[in-house]
Amino acid sequence: MAANAPHLGVMRYPAVMFGWGSARGVLMSALVCVGCGAAEDGPLLDDGPPPAGPKNVLAAGPDKPCAIRDDGAIVCWRVGESEPVPIEGLEKRKWHALSAGNHAACSLSVHGSVWCWDTTSLQLFRGPAELTPLHGRVDRVVVGEFHACAMIRDGSVECWGLGNNGELGDGKRKSNFERPVRVEGLEGTVVDIAAGSRTSWALMDDGRVYIWGGKKKLLLPTPLDTDGAVTRFCQTRSQLCQVREGGRFKPSSDIGELSGVRLATRSPGVDALSDVGYLGVVLESGEINSWWNSYLKSPERFLEPANPTELGTGYDYGCVVNAEGVWCWGNQASGTAPPLVEIPTRVEL
């Protein structure tokens, strides 16, 4: 553990490990509930119907992807560098979906329970562990840069983590690590959510989009003018995007609009185009378009793998999923080497 990081032990009540001290001097939260849920070798607590949110097996962290393997294990690896390694403590449950941010990842069980763990190299936090206040209640979970949100089965949203910009949506500008708080002011039923860099979004069943947090530090959800009907959000971290009617993709930054897009994502980073590592889109034709430089020039088009269903990008890599498995391309380490994998190559999970 880093010398300047406080040591917090296991509490007698649901608590979250968090620490100060990093190269960037920011508060980092693993969003991990410590001392919650059943012991790893104890009885399984999961019960209830499967989540109504989309099923996905791929999550793209900043420097490495993770995936749900066919045998149910969750594994992570560095593109072109290492074999997939299972995350210990998650083997005994069945998983519906994954989401990853810059410092943490969360998995959603087939019974609607949320488990989270640290993904940073600093190893300041503990996990994986269940966030028990959400036990059996969740249809979708998304992880942002320093916070996360869950779509609750009653159509509401609850968020936890860093809240200095209002990204928790409870009307307060403060963090809440001990338990998720309910987002206030959403009118109607939520059908999709997204979490980015200090920003959260919600899509309602009538097509309205709400936003809170962000640069304007909105403490409560505020309706967003989307300039067109939104059908779902892209699964991203620090940058958010919308998929509009007809499959048009519109990212939250000013890089234009692409037509014929089925899925899209963007790499982590602040709201500046110069920090783009990968931007990737899957076209309706089944082809993949990928950009890899600061100016989004000269996209590479990949004809294989065919018919991808998921896409995720990190700082300097991209991965897609199709019926044959997981395919990745890019660098082995962020910004330190030329691409080791120049075209999508199947990963042996």
Protein backbone atom coordinates (compact mmCIF):
# COMPACT_ATOMS: atom_id res chain seq x y z
CA MET A 1 0.00 0.00 0.00
CA ALA A 2 1.27 3.46 -0.78
CA ALA A 3 2.76 5.29 2.17
CA ASN A 4 0.41 8.25 1.87
CA ALA A 5 -2.74 6.17 1.63
CA PRO A 6 -4.86 5.66 4.78
CA HIS A 7 -5.47 2.12 5.92
CA LEU A 8 -9.11 1.21 6.44
CA GLY A 9 -9.97 -2.23 7.74
CA VAL A 10 -13.13 -4.29 7.39
CA MET A 11 -16.02 -2.55 9.12
CA ARG A 12 -18.86 -4.10 11.09
CA TYR A 13 -21.29 -2.44 8.71
CA PRO A 14 -21.31 -2.09 4.92
CA ALA A 15 -18.45 0.24 4.08
CA VAL A 16 -16.30 1.19 1.13
CA MET A 17 -12.54 1.31 0.94
CA PHE A 18 -11.20 4.58 -0.39
CA GLY A 19 -7.89 6.39 -0.28
CA TRP A 20 -6.07 9.55 -1.14
CA GLY A 21 -2.76 9.77 -2.91
CA SER A 22 -1.96 9.18 -6.54
CA ALA A 23 0.31 10.59 -9.20
CA ARG A 24 -2.49 12.92 -10.26
CA GLY A 25 -3.39 13.97 -6.73
CA VAL A 26 -7.08 13.05 -6.99
CA LEU A 27 -9.42 11.08 -4.81
CA MET A 28 -9.74 7.55 -6.15
CA SER A 29 -12.61 5.27 -5.28
CA ALA A 30 -12.82 1.56 -6.00
CA LEU A 31 -16.54 1.61 -5.28
CA VAL A 32 -16.06 -1.64 -3.41
CA CYS A 33 -18.24 -2.66 -0.49
CA VAL A 34 -16.01 -4.29 2.12
CA GLY A 35 -17.33 -6.87 4.54
CA CYS A 36 -20.59 -7.18 2.61
CA GLY A 37 -22.40 -10.25 1.31
CA ALA A 38 -21.59 -13.88 1.87
CA ALA A 39 -18.09 -15.13 2.42
CA GLU A 40 -16.38 -16.42 -0.69
CA ASP A 41 -16.78 -19.98 0.56
CA GLY A 42 -20.19 -19.40 2.14
CA PRO A 43 -23.73 -19.90 0.83
CA LEU A 44 -24.86 -18.07 -2.27
CA LEU A 45 -27.32 -15.29 -1.50
CA ASP A 46 -28.47 -14.62 -5.06
CA ASP A 47 -32.10 -15.16 -5.93
CA GLY A 48 -34.70 -13.44 -8.06
CA PRO A 49 -35.35 -12.83 -11.77
CA PRO A 50 -32.59 -12.01 -14.27
CA PRO A 51 -31.81 -8.34 -14.99
CA ALA A 52 -33.87 -6.62 -17.67
CA GLY A 53 -30.87 -4.60 -18.86
CA PRO A 54 -28.69 -5.67 -21.79
CA LYS A 55 -26.44 -8.67 -21.35
CA ASN A 56 -22.78 -7.98 -22.11
CA VAL A 57 -19.60 -9.99 -21.57
CA LEU A 58 -16.94 -7.33 -22.33
CA ALA A 59 -15.67 -4.42 -20.23
CA ALA A 60 -12.80 -2.18 -21.35
CA GLY A 61 -10.66 -0.62 -18.64
CA PRO A 62 -8.02 2.03 -19.39
CA ASP A 63 -5.16 -0.40 -19.97
CA LYS A 64 -6.74 -3.86 -20.16
CA PRO A 65 -10.05 -5.51 -21.03
CA CYS A 66 -12.06 -7.96 -18.94
CA ALA A 67 -14.65 -10.51 -20.09
CA ILE A 68 -17.07 -13.11 -18.78
CA ARG A 69 -15.74 -16.49 -19.87
CA ASP A 70 -17.99 -19.33 -21.03
CA ASP A 71 -17.46 -21.14 -17.73
CA GLY A 72 -18.70 -18.05 -15.84
CA ALA A 73 -15.32 -16.79 -14.61
CA ILE A 74 -14.43 -13.12 -15.10
CA VAL A 75 -10.94 -12.74 -16.59
CA CYS A 76 -8.73 -9.74 -17.45
CA TRP A 77 -5.62 -9.41 -19.63
CA ARG A 78 -3.32 -6.97 -21.44
CA VAL A 79 -3.71 -7.02 -25.21
CA GLY A 80 -0.83 -8.88 -26.84
CA GLU A 81 1.05 -9.30 -23.58
CA SER A 82 -0.47 -11.77 -21.13
CA GLU A 83 -2.89 -14.65 -20.72
CA PRO A 84 -6.33 -13.89 -19.26
CA VAL A 85 -6.27 -14.13 -15.46
CA PRO A 86 -9.46 -14.89 -13.46
CA ILE A 87 -10.58 -12.39 -10.81
CA GLU A 88 -10.53 -14.32 -7.55
CA GLY A 89 -13.70 -14.29 -5.49
CA LEU A 90 -16.13 -14.20 -8.41
CA GLU A 91 -16.01 -17.84 -9.51
CA LYS A 92 -19.08 -19.15 -7.69
CA ARG A 93 -21.68 -16.87 -9.23
CA LYS A 94 -23.20 -16.50 -12.67
CA TRP A 95 -22.80 -13.13 -14.36
CA HIS A 96 -25.06 -11.09 -16.61
CA ALA A 97 -22.94 -8.03 -17.41
CA LEU A 98 -19.68 -6.14 -16.80
CA SER A 99 -18.75 -2.47 -16.62
CA ALA A 100 -15.35 -0.84 -16.03
CA GLY A 101 -14.08 2.66 -15.36
CA ASN A 102 -10.66 4.16 -14.81
CA HIS A 103 -10.18 2.76 -11.32
CA ALA A 104 -12.84 0.13 -10.68
CA ALA A 105 -15.03 -2.48 -12.33
CA CYS A 106 -18.40 -3.93 -11.40
CA SER A 107 -20.21 -7.10 -12.44
CA LEU A 108 -23.95 -7.73 -12.36
CA SER A 109 -25.13 -11.22 -11.43
CA VAL A 110 -27.92 -13.08 -13.19
CA HIS A 111 -30.04 -12.36 -10.11
CA GLY A 112 -29.49 -8.59 -10.13
CA SER A 113 -26.75 -8.21 -7.50
CA VAL A 114 -23.70 -5.95 -7.94
CA TRP A 115 -20.11 -6.89 -7.12
CA CYS A 116 -17.20 -4.45 -7.54
CA TRP A 117 -13.40 -4.55 -7.35
CA ASP A 118 -10.33 -2.36 -7.81
CA THR A 119 -8.57 -2.26 -11.16
CA THR A 120 -5.71 0.16 -10.46
CA SER A 121 -2.07 -0.87 -10.20
CA LEU A 122 -1.72 0.99 -6.89
CA GLN A 123 -3.62 -1.77 -5.06
CA LEU A 124 -5.09 0.63 -2.54
CA PHE A 125 -8.48 -1.04 -2.27
CA ARG A 126 -10.05 -4.38 -1.46
CA GLY A 127 -12.49 -6.56 -3.32
CA PRO A 128 -14.23 -8.03 -5.11
CA ALA A 129 -17.18 -7.77 -2.76
CA GLU A 130 -20.92 -7.34 -3.07
CA LEU A 131 -22.56 -3.96 -2.63
CA THR A 132 -25.27 -5.41 -0.41
CA PRO A 133 -27.66 -2.39 -0.40
CA LEU A 134 -28.28 -3.27 -4.08
CA HIS A 135 -28.74 -6.99 -3.52
CA GLY A 136 -31.20 -8.47 -6.03
CA ARG A 137 -32.52 -5.04 -7.10
CA VAL A 138 -30.52 -4.07 -10.20
CA ASP A 139 -31.21 -4.31 -13.95
CA ARG A 140 -28.08 -2.46 -15.14
CA VAL A 141 -24.85 -1.09 -13.65
CA VAL A 142 -22.42 1.41 -15.23
CA VAL A 143 -19.04 2.57 -13.90
CA GLY A 144 -17.70 6.07 -14.59
CA GLU A 145 -14.34 7.59 -13.80
CA PHE A 146 -14.87 8.00 -10.05
CA HIS A 147 -18.49 6.95 -9.52
CA ALA A 148 -21.02 4.32 -10.57
CA CYS A 149 -24.79 4.12 -11.03
CA ALA A 150 -27.32 1.30 -10.98
CA MET A 151 -30.68 1.12 -12.76
CA ILE A 152 -33.09 -0.22 -10.13
CA ARG A 153 -35.91 -2.61 -11.00
CA ASP A 154 -38.55 -0.08 -9.94
CA GLY A 155 -37.39 2.29 -12.72
CA SER A 156 -35.26 4.54 -10.51
CA VAL A 157 -31.49 5.15 -10.38
CA GLU A 158 -29.04 4.97 -7.47
CA CYS A 159 -25.42 6.20 -7.60
CA TRP A 160 -22.37 6.05 -5.33
CA GLY A 161 -18.75 7.19 -5.27
CA LEU A 162 -17.26 10.64 -5.81
CA GLY A 163 -19.95 13.33 -5.88
CA ASN A 164 -18.08 16.64 -5.87
CA ASN A 165 -19.66 17.69 -9.19
CA GLY A 166 -23.15 16.44 -8.33
CA GLU A 167 -22.73 13.20 -10.28
CA LEU A 168 -24.71 11.26 -7.64
CA GLY A 169 -27.85 13.24 -8.45
CA ASP A 170 -29.18 13.53 -4.89
CA GLY A 171 -29.04 17.32 -4.72
CA LYS A 172 -25.75 17.41 -2.83
CA ARG A 173 -22.19 18.14 -3.86
CA LYS A 174 -20.49 15.53 -1.73
CA SER A 175 -19.29 11.96 -2.01
CA ASN A 176 -21.10 8.91 -0.67
CA PHE A 177 -19.08 5.73 -0.51
CA GLU A 178 -20.95 3.79 2.16
CA ARG A 179 -24.11 3.07 0.19
CA PRO A 180 -25.79 4.14 -3.06
CA VAL A 181 -28.08 7.18 -2.92
CA ARG A 182 -31.28 7.62 -4.91
CA VAL A 183 -31.17 10.07 -7.82
CA GLU A 184 -33.88 12.68 -7.22
CA GLY A 185 -36.08 14.45 -9.76
CA LEU A 186 -36.37 11.82 -12.51
CA GLU A 187 -39.92 11.86 -13.88
CA GLY A 188 -41.00 8.54 -15.37
CA THR A 189 -39.34 5.14 -15.72
CA VAL A 190 -35.65 4.87 -16.54
CA VAL A 191 -34.78 2.49 -19.40
CA ASP A 192 -31.02 3.15 -19.77
CA ILE A 193 -28.21 4.86 -17.86
CA ALA A 194 -24.60 5.95 -18.50
CA ALA A 195 -21.77 7.15 -16.29
CA GLY A 196 -18.83 9.18 -17.56
CA SER A 197 -16.24 11.62 -16.30
CA ARG A 198 -18.08 13.15 -13.32
CA THR A 199 -21.30 13.01 -15.37
CA SER A 200 -24.36 10.75 -15.32
CA TRP A 201 -27.19 10.29 -17.80
CA ALA A 202 -30.60 8.65 -17.74
CA LEU A 203 -32.91 7.77 -20.65
CA MET A 204 -36.61 7.67 -19.81
CA ASP A 205 -39.32 5.46 -21.29
CA ASP A 206 -40.82 8.48 -23.09
CA GLY A 207 -37.50 9.31 -24.79
CA ARG A 208 -36.42 12.19 -22.56
CA VAL A 209 -32.76 12.36 -21.53
CA TYR A 210 -31.62 13.70 -18.15
CA ILE A 211 -28.07 14.73 -17.23
CA TRP A 212 -26.51 15.60 -13.87
CA GLY A 213 -23.01 16.43 -12.60
CA GLY A 214 -20.47 17.41 -15.25
CA LYS A 215 -18.76 20.74 -15.85
CA LYS A 216 -21.88 22.67 -14.82
CA LYS A 217 -22.02 20.73 -11.54
CA LEU A 218 -25.72 20.00 -11.85
CA LEU A 219 -26.85 18.71 -8.46
CA LEU A 220 -30.12 17.30 -9.78
CA PRO A 221 -31.11 15.72 -13.12
CA THR A 222 -31.74 18.31 -15.83
CA PRO A 223 -33.49 17.60 -19.16
CA LEU A 224 -31.05 17.54 -22.08
CA ASP A 225 -31.85 18.77 -25.59
CA THR A 226 -30.71 15.79 -27.68
CA ASP A 227 -31.54 17.24 -31.11
CA GLY A 228 -33.17 13.96 -32.12
CA ALA A 229 -34.70 10.87 -30.57
CA VAL A 230 -32.30 8.73 -28.50
CA THR A 231 -32.78 4.96 -28.49
CA ARG A 232 -29.98 4.00 -26.07
CA PHE A 233 -26.65 5.13 -24.65
CA CYS A 234 -23.22 3.85 -25.60
CA GLN A 235 -21.35 1.97 -22.90
CA THR A 236 -18.52 4.39 -22.18
CA ARG A 237 -16.56 5.75 -19.29
CA SER A 238 -15.17 9.28 -19.42
CA GLN A 239 -17.00 10.18 -22.62
CA LEU A 240 -20.69 9.58 -23.18
CA CYS A 241 -22.58 9.14 -26.43
CA GLN A 242 -26.05 8.52 -27.77
CA VAL A 243 -27.40 6.16 -30.40
CA ARG A 244 -30.21 7.92 -32.23
CA GLU A 245 -33.00 6.73 -34.46
CA GLY A 246 -31.68 5.08 -37.60
CA GLY A 247 -28.49 4.01 -35.84
CA ARG A 248 -26.81 7.43 -35.90
CA PHE A 249 -24.04 7.84 -33.33
CA LYS A 250 -23.47 11.18 -31.56
CA PRO A 251 -20.64 11.47 -29.02
CA SER A 252 -20.72 14.10 -26.30
CA SER A 253 -17.75 15.97 -27.74
CA ASP A 254 -17.67 17.88 -31.03
CA ILE A 255 -16.41 15.27 -33.47
CA GLY A 256 -19.48 15.19 -35.66
CA GLU A 257 -22.09 12.55 -36.27
CA LEU A 258 -21.68 9.20 -38.01
CA SER A 259 -24.47 7.38 -39.81
CA GLY A 260 -25.07 3.65 -39.98
CA VAL A 261 -23.54 2.95 -36.59
CA ARG A 262 -24.74 -0.01 -34.56
CA LEU A 263 -22.51 0.24 -31.49
CA ALA A 264 -19.93 2.78 -30.39
CA THR A 265 -17.59 3.59 -27.54
CA ARG A 266 -14.76 5.94 -26.72
CA SER A 267 -11.58 5.68 -24.69
CA PRO A 268 -11.25 7.24 -21.22
CA GLY A 269 -9.85 10.72 -20.75
CA VAL A 270 -10.89 14.27 -20.06
CA ASP A 271 -13.16 16.29 -22.31
CA ALA A 272 -10.47 17.07 -24.88
CA LEU A 273 -9.91 15.54 -28.28
CA SER A 274 -6.14 15.52 -27.77
CA ASP A 275 -6.57 12.77 -25.18
CA VAL A 276 -8.30 10.31 -27.49
CA GLY A 277 -6.63 6.92 -27.61
CA TYR A 278 -9.16 4.85 -29.53
CA LEU A 279 -12.53 5.70 -30.96
CA GLY A 280 -14.29 2.71 -32.44
CA VAL A 281 -17.64 2.14 -34.12
CA VAL A 282 -19.36 -0.93 -35.52
CA LEU A 283 -21.19 -0.18 -38.75
CA GLU A 284 -24.47 -1.73 -39.82
CA SER A 285 -22.48 -3.57 -42.49
CA GLY A 286 -20.69 -5.44 -39.71
CA GLU A 287 -17.41 -3.65 -40.37
CA ILE A 288 -15.38 -1.95 -37.65
CA ASN A 289 -14.03 1.59 -38.01
CA SER A 290 -11.18 2.47 -35.64
CA TRP A 291 -9.24 5.71 -35.15
CA TRP A 292 -6.00 5.85 -33.20
CA ASN A 293 -4.42 9.27 -32.85
CA SER A 294 -5.13 12.66 -31.35
CA TYR A 295 -6.85 14.05 -34.42
CA LEU A 296 -9.16 11.20 -35.42
CA LYS A 297 -7.57 10.94 -38.86
CA SER A 298 -7.39 7.96 -41.22
CA PRO A 299 -9.76 5.42 -39.68
CA GLU A 300 -8.83 1.78 -40.12
CA ARG A 301 -11.65 -0.42 -41.35
CA PHE A 302 -11.67 -4.05 -40.31
CA LEU A 303 -13.77 -6.58 -42.24
CA GLU A 304 -13.27 -9.22 -39.55
CA PRO A 305 -14.48 -10.40 -37.14
CA ALA A 306 -17.94 -10.59 -38.64
CA ASN A 307 -21.14 -9.49 -36.92
CA PRO A 308 -19.75 -8.00 -33.69
CA THR A 309 -22.25 -7.48 -30.88
CA GLU A 310 -20.12 -5.53 -28.39
CA LEU A 311 -17.26 -3.07 -28.69
CA GLY A 312 -15.00 -1.53 -26.06
CA THR A 313 -11.88 0.64 -26.20
CA GLY A 314 -9.15 1.49 -23.72
CA TYR A 315 -6.38 4.05 -23.89
CA ASP A 316 -4.63 2.26 -26.73
CA TYR A 317 -6.55 -0.89 -27.60
CA GLY A 318 -9.91 -2.04 -28.87
CA CYS A 319 -11.93 -5.25 -28.44
CA VAL A 320 -15.10 -6.64 -29.95
CA VAL A 321 -17.29 -9.66 -29.24
CA ASN A 322 -19.07 -11.89 -31.74
CA ALA A 323 -20.42 -15.44 -31.79
CA GLU A 324 -16.88 -16.81 -32.07
CA GLY A 325 -15.50 -15.03 -29.01
CA VAL A 326 -13.52 -11.92 -28.05
CA TRP A 327 -11.19 -10.16 -30.52
CA CYS A 328 -8.68 -7.42 -29.63
CA TRP A 329 -6.06 -5.19 -31.25
CA GLY A 330 -3.67 -2.45 -30.06
CA ASN A 331 -0.76 -1.92 -27.66
CA GLN A 332 0.51 -3.95 -24.74
CA ALA A 333 1.04 -0.92 -22.49
CA SER A 334 -0.34 2.58 -22.62
CA GLY A 335 1.72 4.81 -24.87
CA THR A 336 4.98 2.85 -24.55
CA ALA A 337 5.11 0.57 -27.58
CA PRO A 338 3.96 0.33 -31.18
CA PRO A 339 0.86 -1.78 -31.79
CA LEU A 340 1.59 -5.41 -31.10
CA VAL A 341 -1.74 -6.52 -32.55
CA GLU A 342 -2.48 -4.61 -35.75
CA ILE A 343 -5.76 -6.29 -36.66
CA PRO A 344 -8.43 -7.86 -34.43
CA THR A 345 -7.10 -11.18 -33.16
CA ARG A 346 -9.12 -13.76 -31.24
CA VAL A 347 -8.28 -13.99 -27.53
CA GLU A 348 -8.12 -17.46 -26.03
CA LEU A 349 -10.08 -16.98 -22.83
